[in-house]
Amino acid sequence: MAVGRNINITTDFILLGFSEQPELQAFLFVLFLGIYSVTLTWNLGLVVLIRMESCLHSPMYFFLGNLSFVDISYTSSITPKMLCDFFKQQKTISFVGCATQFFFFISMGATECCLLAAMAYDRYAAISTPLFYAAFMSPTMCVGMVITAYTGGFLTGLVQTSSIFQLYFCGPRVIKHFFCDLPPLLVLSCSSTFLSQVVNYLVVCAVGGTSALVVLVSYCYIIAAVMKIHSTQGRMKAFNTCASHLTTVILFYGSGLFSYLHSSAGYLQDQEKVVSMLYGAVIPMLNPIIYSLRNKEIKDALKKLKNQKKQMFPLCLMVL
């Protein structure tokens, strides 16, 4: 076993990526570069805007700022390597590099699950118990929830990475994917993957299941509270405050659960790549856009910032 582990550590994996479609290489590179650029721009912009504008210093935007940071980290764990591989004939990644990529991808994904649950609880507190909202969502409480989310995410990454990379990978180490993801790694193992799959299911149920349960219970209380509002306009206003979050939850949980809860025996290369592109690249790009387009406070903050820049420009010219 010791020899097997040494071979594991010193041997590289080969990422096939999208090499099976050579005619699409240029198009896919431009597409993913565009998606990654938009993801960085929107998410970084949202983080800066929330930090700069005092009107956005509330629990909801505190969580949203952290969600944007996680989305940047999440997609950055796989996209730069994928973009570089478009120009390489031999798309290799070391054992340590593969484990590191897997760790950060899983950690940030689990952290996002926990943050989405915290945001659901925040919406519950704001709509169902508005009189006690300030007490429920105090700064100390918000910071504690975010720290718990990151801690849970990194523990999840550590457990799953340890579980997967203690396996013995023999023969041609060809990963039929564009990054080190769970299903294609399990397929490559020459040793029994039963324990690793059990650990995967337990972790997904513990982290993803608990987060999903918090979201579900929170929205049950939210719907009950909204139905007590007599005016149609009041109901619509309450639902609109949750629409962006609910859209993000459906997209993220739907694609993530599909990918990690189906059996590795039924692993389908092309199908897995499409799903992975959705939750690994597209959703981190869509999240800030979804929140920005449907949020009046963010729109107002952007207008305010734009007007401030217009006022500063003539002053700068006078100084010069």
C-alpha atoms as a PDB file:
ATOM      1  CA  MET A   1       0.000   0.000   0.000  1.00  0.00           C
ATOM      2  CA  ALA A   2       2.891   2.352   0.756  1.00  0.00           C
ATOM      3  CA  VAL A   3       4.264   1.797  -2.757  1.00  0.00           C
ATOM      4  CA  GLY A   4       0.827   2.485  -4.206  1.00  0.00           C
ATOM      5  CA  ARG A   5       0.609   5.758  -2.356  1.00  0.00           C
ATOM      6  CA  ASN A   6       4.046   6.826  -3.603  1.00  0.00           C
ATOM      7  CA  ILE A   7       2.967   6.122  -7.178  1.00  0.00           C
ATOM      8  CA  ASN A   8      -0.212   8.107  -6.542  1.00  0.00           C
ATOM      9  CA  ILE A   9       1.702  11.172  -5.400  1.00  0.00           C
ATOM     10  CA  THR A  10       4.384  11.193  -8.103  1.00  0.00           C
ATOM     11  CA  THR A  11       2.206  10.422 -11.130  1.00  0.00           C
ATOM     12  CA  ASP A  12       0.273  13.064 -13.033  1.00  0.00           C
ATOM     13  CA  PHE A  13      -3.327  12.909 -14.160  1.00  0.00           C
ATOM     14  CA  ILE A  14      -4.304  13.760 -17.723  1.00  0.00           C
ATOM     15  CA  LEU A  15      -7.332  16.002 -18.190  1.00  0.00           C
ATOM     16  CA  LEU A  16      -9.061  15.371 -21.504  1.00  0.00           C
ATOM     17  CA  GLY A  17     -11.058  18.576 -21.210  1.00  0.00           C
ATOM     18  CA  PHE A  18     -12.730  19.353 -24.515  1.00  0.00           C
ATOM     19  CA  SER A  19     -10.010  17.784 -26.695  1.00  0.00           C
ATOM     20  CA  GLU A  20     -12.577  15.419 -28.195  1.00  0.00           C
ATOM     21  CA  GLN A  21     -14.084  18.426 -29.998  1.00  0.00           C
ATOM     22  CA  PRO A  22     -10.986  20.047 -31.589  1.00  0.00           C
ATOM     23  CA  GLU A  23     -13.119  22.100 -33.971  1.00  0.00           C
ATOM     24  CA  LEU A  24     -14.741  23.853 -30.994  1.00  0.00           C
ATOM     25  CA  GLN A  25     -11.532  24.705 -29.082  1.00  0.00           C
ATOM     26  CA  ALA A  26     -11.309  28.361 -30.167  1.00  0.00           C
ATOM     27  CA  PHE A  27     -15.028  28.982 -29.629  1.00  0.00           C
ATOM     28  CA  LEU A  28     -15.044  27.325 -26.192  1.00  0.00           C
ATOM     29  CA  PHE A  29     -11.956  29.262 -25.079  1.00  0.00           C
ATOM     30  CA  VAL A  30     -13.559  32.591 -25.994  1.00  0.00           C
ATOM     31  CA  LEU A  31     -16.852  31.500 -24.401  1.00  0.00           C
ATOM     32  CA  PHE A  32     -15.313  30.460 -21.072  1.00  0.00           C
ATOM     33  CA  LEU A  33     -12.984  33.453 -20.993  1.00  0.00           C
ATOM     34  CA  GLY A  34     -16.007  35.714 -21.457  1.00  0.00           C
ATOM     35  CA  ILE A  35     -17.979  33.919 -18.741  1.00  0.00           C
ATOM     36  CA  TYR A  36     -15.038  34.089 -16.325  1.00  0.00           C
ATOM     37  CA  SER A  37     -14.432  37.780 -17.053  1.00  0.00           C
ATOM     38  CA  VAL A  38     -18.091  38.640 -16.450  1.00  0.00           C
ATOM     39  CA  THR A  39     -18.075  36.540 -13.256  1.00  0.00           C
ATOM     40  CA  LEU A  40     -15.052  38.379 -11.840  1.00  0.00           C
ATOM     41  CA  THR A  41     -16.334  41.811 -12.901  1.00  0.00           C
ATOM     42  CA  TRP A  42     -19.853  41.445 -11.520  1.00  0.00           C
ATOM     43  CA  ASN A  43     -18.900  39.697  -8.290  1.00  0.00           C
ATOM     44  CA  LEU A  44     -15.959  41.982  -7.483  1.00  0.00           C
ATOM     45  CA  GLY A  45     -18.094  44.987  -8.370  1.00  0.00           C
ATOM     46  CA  LEU A  46     -20.834  43.797  -6.043  1.00  0.00           C
ATOM     47  CA  VAL A  47     -18.382  43.237  -3.167  1.00  0.00           C
ATOM     48  CA  VAL A  48     -16.913  46.749  -3.625  1.00  0.00           C
ATOM     49  CA  LEU A  49     -20.355  48.353  -3.949  1.00  0.00           C
ATOM     50  CA  ILE A  50     -21.603  46.701  -0.744  1.00  0.00           C
ATOM     51  CA  ARG A  51     -18.472  47.844   1.101  1.00  0.00           C
ATOM     52  CA  MET A  52     -18.688  51.431  -0.180  1.00  0.00           C
ATOM     53  CA  GLU A  53     -22.394  52.190   0.157  1.00  0.00           C
ATOM     54  CA  SER A  54     -23.683  52.559   3.720  1.00  0.00           C
ATOM     55  CA  CYS A  55     -27.258  51.912   2.580  1.00  0.00           C
ATOM     56  CA  LEU A  56     -26.186  48.323   1.787  1.00  0.00           C
ATOM     57  CA  HIS A  57     -24.711  47.675   5.237  1.00  0.00           C
ATOM     58  CA  SER A  58     -27.412  45.232   6.315  1.00  0.00           C
ATOM     59  CA  PRO A  59     -27.414  41.464   7.004  1.00  0.00           C
ATOM     60  CA  MET A  60     -28.815  40.556   3.583  1.00  0.00           C
ATOM     61  CA  TYR A  61     -26.043  42.395   1.731  1.00  0.00           C
ATOM     62  CA  PHE A  62     -23.405  41.166   4.176  1.00  0.00           C
ATOM     63  CA  PHE A  63     -24.322  37.608   3.177  1.00  0.00           C
ATOM     64  CA  LEU A  64     -24.540  38.616  -0.493  1.00  0.00           C
ATOM     65  CA  GLY A  65     -21.025  40.076  -0.389  1.00  0.00           C
ATOM     66  CA  ASN A  66     -19.702  36.828   1.058  1.00  0.00           C
ATOM     67  CA  LEU A  67     -21.637  34.845  -1.566  1.00  0.00           C
ATOM     68  CA  SER A  68     -19.921  36.882  -4.305  1.00  0.00           C
ATOM     69  CA  PHE A  69     -16.508  36.223  -2.748  1.00  0.00           C
ATOM     70  CA  VAL A  70     -17.265  32.486  -2.579  1.00  0.00           C
ATOM     71  CA  ASP A  71     -18.430  32.487  -6.215  1.00  0.00           C
ATOM     72  CA  ILE A  72     -15.137  34.102  -7.269  1.00  0.00           C
ATOM     73  CA  SER A  73     -13.139  31.501  -5.334  1.00  0.00           C
ATOM     74  CA  TYR A  74     -15.401  28.681  -6.520  1.00  0.00           C
ATOM     75  CA  THR A  75     -15.036  29.330 -10.231  1.00  0.00           C
ATOM     76  CA  SER A  76     -11.373  30.383  -9.923  1.00  0.00           C
ATOM     77  CA  SER A  77     -10.499  26.935  -8.567  1.00  0.00           C
ATOM     78  CA  ILE A  78     -11.191  25.396 -11.996  1.00  0.00           C
ATOM     79  CA  THR A  79     -11.498  28.037 -14.758  1.00  0.00           C
ATOM     80  CA  PRO A  80      -7.904  29.395 -15.052  1.00  0.00           C
ATOM     81  CA  LYS A  81      -6.499  25.863 -15.357  1.00  0.00           C
ATOM     82  CA  MET A  82      -9.171  24.981 -17.915  1.00  0.00           C
ATOM     83  CA  LEU A  83      -8.397  28.104 -20.000  1.00  0.00           C
ATOM     84  CA  CYS A  84      -4.648  27.341 -19.977  1.00  0.00           C
ATOM     85  CA  ASP A  85      -5.289  23.755 -21.087  1.00  0.00           C
ATOM     86  CA  PHE A  86      -6.867  24.943 -24.321  1.00  0.00           C
ATOM     87  CA  PHE A  87      -3.337  25.843 -25.503  1.00  0.00           C
ATOM     88  CA  LYS A  88      -1.647  22.650 -24.293  1.00  0.00           C
ATOM     89  CA  GLN A  89      -1.194  19.460 -26.255  1.00  0.00           C
ATOM     90  CA  GLN A  90      -0.689  17.447 -23.046  1.00  0.00           C
ATOM     91  CA  LYS A  91      -3.233  18.568 -20.432  1.00  0.00           C
ATOM     92  CA  THR A  92      -1.640  17.216 -17.266  1.00  0.00           C
ATOM     93  CA  ILE A  93      -2.186  18.008 -13.591  1.00  0.00           C
ATOM     94  CA  SER A  94      -0.116  16.632 -10.706  1.00  0.00           C
ATOM     95  CA  PHE A  95      -1.584  14.444  -7.988  1.00  0.00           C
ATOM     96  CA  VAL A  96      -1.141  17.254  -5.439  1.00  0.00           C
ATOM     97  CA  GLY A  97      -2.517  19.818  -7.880  1.00  0.00           C
ATOM     98  CA  CYS A  98      -5.566  17.655  -8.551  1.00  0.00           C
ATOM     99  CA  ALA A  99      -6.182  17.154  -4.827  1.00  0.00           C
ATOM    100  CA  THR A 100      -5.786  20.908  -4.188  1.00  0.00           C
ATOM    101  CA  GLN A 101      -8.190  21.812  -6.984  1.00  0.00           C
ATOM    102  CA  PHE A 102     -10.720  19.262  -5.726  1.00  0.00           C
ATOM    103  CA  PHE A 103     -10.382  20.511  -2.128  1.00  0.00           C
ATOM    104  CA  PHE A 104     -11.043  24.169  -2.939  1.00  0.00           C
ATOM    105  CA  PHE A 105     -13.852  23.381  -5.363  1.00  0.00           C
ATOM    106  CA  ILE A 106     -15.669  21.181  -2.830  1.00  0.00           C
ATOM    107  CA  SER A 107     -14.963  23.593   0.049  1.00  0.00           C
ATOM    108  CA  MET A 108     -16.339  26.623  -1.765  1.00  0.00           C
ATOM    109  CA  GLY A 109     -19.348  24.667  -3.026  1.00  0.00           C
ATOM    110  CA  ALA A 110     -20.215  23.500   0.492  1.00  0.00           C
ATOM    111  CA  THR A 111     -19.674  27.031   1.840  1.00  0.00           C
ATOM    112  CA  GLU A 112     -22.115  28.349  -0.753  1.00  0.00           C
ATOM    113  CA  CYS A 113     -24.713  25.804   0.409  1.00  0.00           C
ATOM    114  CA  CYS A 114     -24.357  27.054   3.973  1.00  0.00           C
ATOM    115  CA  LEU A 115     -24.483  30.716   2.922  1.00  0.00           C
ATOM    116  CA  LEU A 116     -27.668  30.142   0.926  1.00  0.00           C
ATOM    117  CA  ALA A 117     -29.206  28.578   4.050  1.00  0.00           C
ATOM    118  CA  ALA A 118     -28.123  31.601   6.133  1.00  0.00           C
ATOM    119  CA  MET A 119     -29.668  33.941   3.548  1.00  0.00           C
ATOM    120  CA  ALA A 120     -32.919  31.955   3.664  1.00  0.00           C
ATOM    121  CA  TYR A 121     -33.017  32.327   7.451  1.00  0.00           C
ATOM    122  CA  ASP A 122     -32.350  36.049   7.051  1.00  0.00           C
ATOM    123  CA  ARG A 123     -35.354  36.399   4.709  1.00  0.00           C
ATOM    124  CA  TYR A 124     -37.475  34.412   7.183  1.00  0.00           C
ATOM    125  CA  ALA A 125     -36.482  36.749  10.022  1.00  0.00           C
ATOM    126  CA  ALA A 126     -37.165  39.852   7.901  1.00  0.00           C
ATOM    127  CA  ILE A 127     -40.609  38.762   6.664  1.00  0.00           C
ATOM    128  CA  SER A 128     -41.988  36.511   9.416  1.00  0.00           C
ATOM    129  CA  THR A 129     -40.672  38.361  12.490  1.00  0.00           C
ATOM    130  CA  PRO A 130     -39.952  41.958  11.392  1.00  0.00           C
ATOM    131  CA  LEU A 131     -40.263  43.367  14.937  1.00  0.00           C
ATOM    132  CA  PHE A 132     -37.477  41.072  16.186  1.00  0.00           C
ATOM    133  CA  TYR A 133     -35.360  41.196  13.012  1.00  0.00           C
ATOM    134  CA  ALA A 134     -32.637  43.411  14.511  1.00  0.00           C
ATOM    135  CA  ALA A 135     -32.320  41.079  17.506  1.00  0.00           C
ATOM    136  CA  PHE A 136     -32.290  37.889  15.430  1.00  0.00           C
ATOM    137  CA  MET A 137     -29.816  39.201  12.858  1.00  0.00           C
ATOM    138  CA  SER A 138     -27.398  41.176  15.004  1.00  0.00           C
ATOM    139  CA  PRO A 139     -23.871  41.820  13.633  1.00  0.00           C
ATOM    140  CA  THR A 140     -22.476  39.177  15.992  1.00  0.00           C
ATOM    141  CA  MET A 141     -25.049  36.648  14.785  1.00  0.00           C
ATOM    142  CA  CYS A 142     -24.307  37.399  11.108  1.00  0.00           C
ATOM    143  CA  VAL A 143     -20.536  37.083  11.546  1.00  0.00           C
ATOM    144  CA  GLY A 144     -21.029  33.840  13.465  1.00  0.00           C
ATOM    145  CA  MET A 145     -23.205  32.400  10.678  1.00  0.00           C
ATOM    146  CA  VAL A 146     -20.630  33.302   8.021  1.00  0.00           C
ATOM    147  CA  ILE A 147     -17.763  31.820  10.046  1.00  0.00           C
ATOM    148  CA  THR A 148     -19.830  28.650  10.514  1.00  0.00           C
ATOM    149  CA  ALA A 149     -20.459  28.500   6.746  1.00  0.00           C
ATOM    150  CA  TYR A 150     -16.741  28.752   5.910  1.00  0.00           C
ATOM    151  CA  THR A 151     -15.801  26.279   8.641  1.00  0.00           C
ATOM    152  CA  GLY A 152     -18.403  23.769   7.441  1.00  0.00           C
ATOM    153  CA  GLY A 153     -17.235  24.232   3.854  1.00  0.00           C
ATOM    154  CA  PHE A 154     -13.561  23.643   4.595  1.00  0.00           C
ATOM    155  CA  LEU A 155     -14.301  20.626   6.815  1.00  0.00           C
ATOM    156  CA  THR A 156     -16.402  19.177   3.993  1.00  0.00           C
ATOM    157  CA  GLY A 157     -13.554  19.706   1.533  1.00  0.00           C
ATOM    158  CA  LEU A 158     -11.055  18.134   3.914  1.00  0.00           C
ATOM    159  CA  VAL A 159     -13.193  15.030   4.552  1.00  0.00           C
ATOM    160  CA  GLN A 160     -14.043  14.421   0.896  1.00  0.00           C
ATOM    161  CA  THR A 161     -10.514  15.107  -0.351  1.00  0.00           C
ATOM    162  CA  SER A 162      -9.044  12.717   2.217  1.00  0.00           C
ATOM    163  CA  SER A 163     -11.630  10.099   1.269  1.00  0.00           C
ATOM    164  CA  ILE A 164     -11.005  10.305  -2.493  1.00  0.00           C
ATOM    165  CA  PHE A 165      -7.240  10.739  -2.625  1.00  0.00           C
ATOM    166  CA  GLN A 166      -6.444   7.813  -0.343  1.00  0.00           C
ATOM    167  CA  LEU A 167      -7.703   5.586  -3.176  1.00  0.00           C
ATOM    168  CA  TYR A 168      -5.234   3.796  -5.472  1.00  0.00           C
ATOM    169  CA  PHE A 169      -5.273   5.109  -9.061  1.00  0.00           C
ATOM    170  CA  CYS A 170      -3.574   2.702 -11.469  1.00  0.00           C
ATOM    171  CA  GLY A 171      -3.344   2.369 -15.232  1.00  0.00           C
ATOM    172  CA  PRO A 172      -3.891   5.321 -17.562  1.00  0.00           C
ATOM    173  CA  ARG A 173      -4.862   8.254 -15.345  1.00  0.00           C
ATOM    174  CA  VAL A 174      -7.059   9.931 -17.921  1.00  0.00           C
ATOM    175  CA  ILE A 175      -9.779  12.119 -16.388  1.00  0.00           C
ATOM    176  CA  LYS A 176     -12.555  12.500 -18.929  1.00  0.00           C
ATOM    177  CA  HIS A 177     -13.377  15.951 -17.668  1.00  0.00           C
ATOM    178  CA  PHE A 178     -11.963  19.482 -17.637  1.00  0.00           C
ATOM    179  CA  PHE A 179     -11.168  19.463 -13.901  1.00  0.00           C
ATOM    180  CA  CYS A 180     -10.721  17.051 -10.978  1.00  0.00           C
ATOM    181  CA  ASP A 181     -14.312  16.314 -10.038  1.00  0.00           C
ATOM    182  CA  LEU A 182     -15.718  13.504  -7.920  1.00  0.00           C
ATOM    183  CA  PRO A 183     -17.477  11.190 -10.461  1.00  0.00           C
ATOM    184  CA  PRO A 184     -14.575  10.929 -12.975  1.00  0.00           C
ATOM    185  CA  LEU A 185     -12.065  10.355 -10.150  1.00  0.00           C
ATOM    186  CA  LEU A 186     -14.115   7.485  -8.740  1.00  0.00           C
ATOM    187  CA  VAL A 187     -14.192   5.874 -12.178  1.00  0.00           C
ATOM    188  CA  LEU A 188     -10.360   5.856 -12.303  1.00  0.00           C
ATOM    189  CA  SER A 189      -9.871   4.084  -8.971  1.00  0.00           C
ATOM    190  CA  CYS A 190      -8.508   0.528  -9.032  1.00  0.00           C
ATOM    191  CA  SER A 191      -9.341   0.023  -5.353  1.00  0.00           C
ATOM    192  CA  SER A 192     -12.783  -0.265  -3.804  1.00  0.00           C
ATOM    193  CA  THR A 193     -14.675   3.030  -3.838  1.00  0.00           C
ATOM    194  CA  PHE A 194     -17.463   1.841  -1.546  1.00  0.00           C
ATOM    195  CA  LEU A 195     -16.217   3.677   1.546  1.00  0.00           C
ATOM    196  CA  SER A 196     -15.516   6.856  -0.441  1.00  0.00           C
ATOM    197  CA  GLN A 197     -19.003   6.799  -1.937  1.00  0.00           C
ATOM    198  CA  VAL A 198     -20.545   6.251   1.503  1.00  0.00           C
ATOM    199  CA  VAL A 199     -18.551   9.211   2.853  1.00  0.00           C
ATOM    200  CA  ASN A 200     -19.671  11.295  -0.134  1.00  0.00           C
ATOM    201  CA  TYR A 201     -23.346  10.514   0.449  1.00  0.00           C
ATOM    202  CA  LEU A 202     -23.060  11.176   4.174  1.00  0.00           C
ATOM    203  CA  VAL A 203     -21.307  14.511   3.635  1.00  0.00           C
ATOM    204  CA  VAL A 204     -23.770  15.595   0.942  1.00  0.00           C
ATOM    205  CA  CYS A 205     -26.690  14.659   3.197  1.00  0.00           C
ATOM    206  CA  ALA A 206     -25.127  16.332   6.247  1.00  0.00           C
ATOM    207  CA  VAL A 207     -24.131  19.607   4.573  1.00  0.00           C
ATOM    208  CA  GLY A 208     -26.347  19.838   1.504  1.00  0.00           C
ATOM    209  CA  GLY A 209     -29.321  18.131   3.162  1.00  0.00           C
ATOM    210  CA  THR A 210     -29.178  20.261   6.313  1.00  0.00           C
ATOM    211  CA  SER A 211     -28.769  23.460   4.269  1.00  0.00           C
ATOM    212  CA  ALA A 212     -31.652  22.463   2.002  1.00  0.00           C
ATOM    213  CA  LEU A 213     -33.808  21.685   5.049  1.00  0.00           C
ATOM    214  CA  VAL A 214     -33.095  25.128   6.537  1.00  0.00           C
ATOM    215  CA  VAL A 215     -34.041  26.724   3.212  1.00  0.00           C
ATOM    216  CA  LEU A 216     -37.227  24.649   2.930  1.00  0.00           C
ATOM    217  CA  VAL A 217     -38.394  25.325   6.502  1.00  0.00           C
ATOM    218  CA  SER A 218     -37.565  29.026   6.175  1.00  0.00           C
ATOM    219  CA  TYR A 219     -39.636  29.334   3.019  1.00  0.00           C
ATOM    220  CA  CYS A 220     -42.537  27.441   4.573  1.00  0.00           C
ATOM    221  CA  TYR A 221     -42.648  30.073   7.324  1.00  0.00           C
ATOM    222  CA  ILE A 222     -42.165  32.850   4.751  1.00  0.00           C
ATOM    223  CA  ILE A 223     -45.111  31.614   2.641  1.00  0.00           C
ATOM    224  CA  ALA A 224     -47.282  31.320   5.745  1.00  0.00           C
ATOM    225  CA  ALA A 225     -46.396  34.879   6.768  1.00  0.00           C
ATOM    226  CA  VAL A 226     -46.960  36.270   3.270  1.00  0.00           C
ATOM    227  CA  MET A 227     -50.384  34.620   2.997  1.00  0.00           C
ATOM    228  CA  LYS A 228     -51.440  36.562   6.097  1.00  0.00           C
ATOM    229  CA  ILE A 229     -50.797  39.858   4.305  1.00  0.00           C
ATOM    230  CA  HIS A 230     -54.153  41.170   3.096  1.00  0.00           C
ATOM    231  CA  SER A 231     -53.086  43.441   0.235  1.00  0.00           C
ATOM    232  CA  THR A 232     -51.927  41.934  -3.069  1.00  0.00           C
ATOM    233  CA  GLN A 233     -49.290  44.635  -3.384  1.00  0.00           C
ATOM    234  CA  GLY A 234     -47.897  43.751   0.034  1.00  0.00           C
ATOM    235  CA  ARG A 235     -47.705  40.076  -0.881  1.00  0.00           C
ATOM    236  CA  MET A 236     -45.908  40.819  -4.147  1.00  0.00           C
ATOM    237  CA  LYS A 237     -43.425  43.086  -2.366  1.00  0.00           C
ATOM    238  CA  ALA A 238     -42.669  40.364   0.193  1.00  0.00           C
ATOM    239  CA  PHE A 239     -42.242  37.683  -2.469  1.00  0.00           C
ATOM    240  CA  ASN A 240     -39.990  39.956  -4.552  1.00  0.00           C
ATOM    241  CA  THR A 241     -37.526  40.198  -1.676  1.00  0.00           C
ATOM    242  CA  CYS A 242     -37.083  36.412  -1.894  1.00  0.00           C
ATOM    243  CA  ALA A 243     -37.269  35.896  -5.665  1.00  0.00           C
ATOM    244  CA  SER A 244     -33.541  36.379  -6.364  1.00  0.00           C
ATOM    245  CA  HIS A 245     -32.472  34.108  -3.531  1.00  0.00           C
ATOM    246  CA  LEU A 246     -34.985  31.419  -4.488  1.00  0.00           C
ATOM    247  CA  THR A 247     -33.783  31.481  -8.116  1.00  0.00           C
ATOM    248  CA  THR A 248     -30.174  31.042  -6.987  1.00  0.00           C
ATOM    249  CA  VAL A 249     -31.138  28.190  -4.643  1.00  0.00           C
ATOM    250  CA  ILE A 250     -33.000  26.278  -7.370  1.00  0.00           C
ATOM    251  CA  LEU A 251     -30.143  26.632  -9.881  1.00  0.00           C
ATOM    252  CA  PHE A 252     -27.348  25.750  -7.446  1.00  0.00           C
ATOM    253  CA  TYR A 253     -28.990  22.906  -5.519  1.00  0.00           C
ATOM    254  CA  GLY A 254     -30.582  21.423  -8.620  1.00  0.00           C
ATOM    255  CA  SER A 255     -27.355  21.126 -10.627  1.00  0.00           C
ATOM    256  CA  GLY A 256     -25.206  20.202  -7.608  1.00  0.00           C
ATOM    257  CA  LEU A 257     -27.473  17.419  -6.327  1.00  0.00           C
ATOM    258  CA  PHE A 258     -27.818  15.966  -9.823  1.00  0.00           C
ATOM    259  CA  SER A 259     -24.050  15.770 -10.156  1.00  0.00           C
ATOM    260  CA  TYR A 260     -23.088  14.423  -6.725  1.00  0.00           C
ATOM    261  CA  LEU A 261     -25.963  12.087  -5.880  1.00  0.00           C
ATOM    262  CA  HIS A 262     -26.069   9.992  -9.023  1.00  0.00           C
ATOM    263  CA  SER A 263     -24.074   6.777  -9.022  1.00  0.00           C
ATOM    264  CA  SER A 264     -20.572   6.750 -10.434  1.00  0.00           C
ATOM    265  CA  ALA A 265     -21.550   3.565 -12.297  1.00  0.00           C
ATOM    266  CA  GLY A 266     -23.931   5.662 -14.333  1.00  0.00           C
ATOM    267  CA  TYR A 267     -21.361   8.363 -15.024  1.00  0.00           C
ATOM    268  CA  LEU A 268     -21.970   9.970 -18.408  1.00  0.00           C
ATOM    269  CA  GLN A 269     -19.062  12.063 -19.664  1.00  0.00           C
ATOM    270  CA  ASP A 270     -20.862  14.591 -21.876  1.00  0.00           C
ATOM    271  CA  GLN A 271     -23.798  14.971 -19.500  1.00  0.00           C
ATOM    272  CA  GLU A 272     -21.469  15.527 -16.549  1.00  0.00           C
ATOM    273  CA  LYS A 273     -19.493  18.187 -18.417  1.00  0.00           C
ATOM    274  CA  VAL A 274     -22.640  20.153 -19.213  1.00  0.00           C
ATOM    275  CA  VAL A 275     -23.858  20.008 -15.603  1.00  0.00           C
ATOM    276  CA  SER A 276     -20.386  20.932 -14.320  1.00  0.00           C
ATOM    277  CA  MET A 277     -20.263  23.949 -16.631  1.00  0.00           C
ATOM    278  CA  LEU A 278     -23.596  25.032 -15.214  1.00  0.00           C
ATOM    279  CA  TYR A 279     -22.741  24.930 -11.500  1.00  0.00           C
ATOM    280  CA  GLY A 280     -18.996  25.604 -11.866  1.00  0.00           C
ATOM    281  CA  ALA A 281     -18.977  28.495 -14.337  1.00  0.00           C
ATOM    282  CA  VAL A 282     -22.428  29.741 -15.342  1.00  0.00           C
ATOM    283  CA  ILE A 283     -24.165  30.002 -11.940  1.00  0.00           C
ATOM    284  CA  PRO A 284     -21.344  32.061 -10.326  1.00  0.00           C
ATOM    285  CA  MET A 285     -21.756  34.474 -13.242  1.00  0.00           C
ATOM    286  CA  LEU A 286     -25.554  34.585 -12.961  1.00  0.00           C
ATOM    287  CA  ASN A 287     -25.798  35.085  -9.179  1.00  0.00           C
ATOM    288  CA  PRO A 288     -24.757  38.771  -9.013  1.00  0.00           C
ATOM    289  CA  ILE A 289     -26.745  39.542 -12.161  1.00  0.00           C
ATOM    290  CA  ILE A 290     -29.885  37.949 -10.699  1.00  0.00           C
ATOM    291  CA  TYR A 291     -29.532  39.921  -7.468  1.00  0.00           C
ATOM    292  CA  SER A 292     -28.648  43.190  -9.223  1.00  0.00           C
ATOM    293  CA  LEU A 293     -31.430  43.146 -11.822  1.00  0.00           C
ATOM    294  CA  ARG A 294     -34.190  42.471  -9.292  1.00  0.00           C
ATOM    295  CA  ASN A 295     -32.929  44.639  -6.435  1.00  0.00           C
ATOM    296  CA  LYS A 296     -33.994  48.277  -6.161  1.00  0.00           C
ATOM    297  CA  GLU A 297     -31.486  49.098  -3.399  1.00  0.00           C
ATOM    298  CA  ILE A 298     -28.545  47.874  -5.476  1.00  0.00           C
ATOM    299  CA  LYS A 299     -29.811  49.813  -8.506  1.00  0.00           C
ATOM    300  CA  ASP A 300     -30.136  52.957  -6.383  1.00  0.00           C
ATOM    301  CA  ALA A 301     -26.633  52.440  -4.962  1.00  0.00           C
ATOM    302  CA  LEU A 302     -25.226  52.086  -8.489  1.00  0.00           C
ATOM    303  CA  LYS A 303     -26.978  55.291  -9.598  1.00  0.00           C
ATOM    304  CA  LYS A 304     -25.670  57.106  -6.532  1.00  0.00           C
ATOM    305  CA  LEU A 305     -22.127  55.927  -7.231  1.00  0.00           C
ATOM    306  CA  LYS A 306     -22.448  56.932 -10.886  1.00  0.00           C
ATOM    307  CA  ASN A 307     -23.631  60.440  -9.929  1.00  0.00           C
ATOM    308  CA  GLN A 308     -20.766  60.802  -7.456  1.00  0.00           C
ATOM    309  CA  LYS A 309     -18.267  59.960 -10.193  1.00  0.00           C
ATOM    310  CA  LYS A 310     -19.857  62.554 -12.491  1.00  0.00           C
ATOM    311  CA  GLN A 311     -19.531  65.186  -9.765  1.00  0.00           C
ATOM    312  CA  MET A 312     -15.933  64.224  -9.034  1.00  0.00           C
ATOM    313  CA  PHE A 313     -14.828  64.409 -12.662  1.00  0.00           C
ATOM    314  CA  PRO A 314     -15.147  68.248 -13.026  1.00  0.00           C
ATOM    315  CA  LEU A 315     -13.374  68.669  -9.668  1.00  0.00           C
ATOM    316  CA  CYS A 316     -10.483  66.540 -10.879  1.00  0.00           C
ATOM    317  CA  LEU A 317     -10.206  68.639 -14.030  1.00  0.00           C
ATOM    318  CA  MET A 318     -10.128  71.855 -11.923  1.00  0.00           C
ATOM    319  CA  VAL A 319      -7.326  70.438  -9.753  1.00  0.00           C
ATOM    320  CA  LEU A 320      -5.340  69.426 -12.814  1.00  0.00           C
END
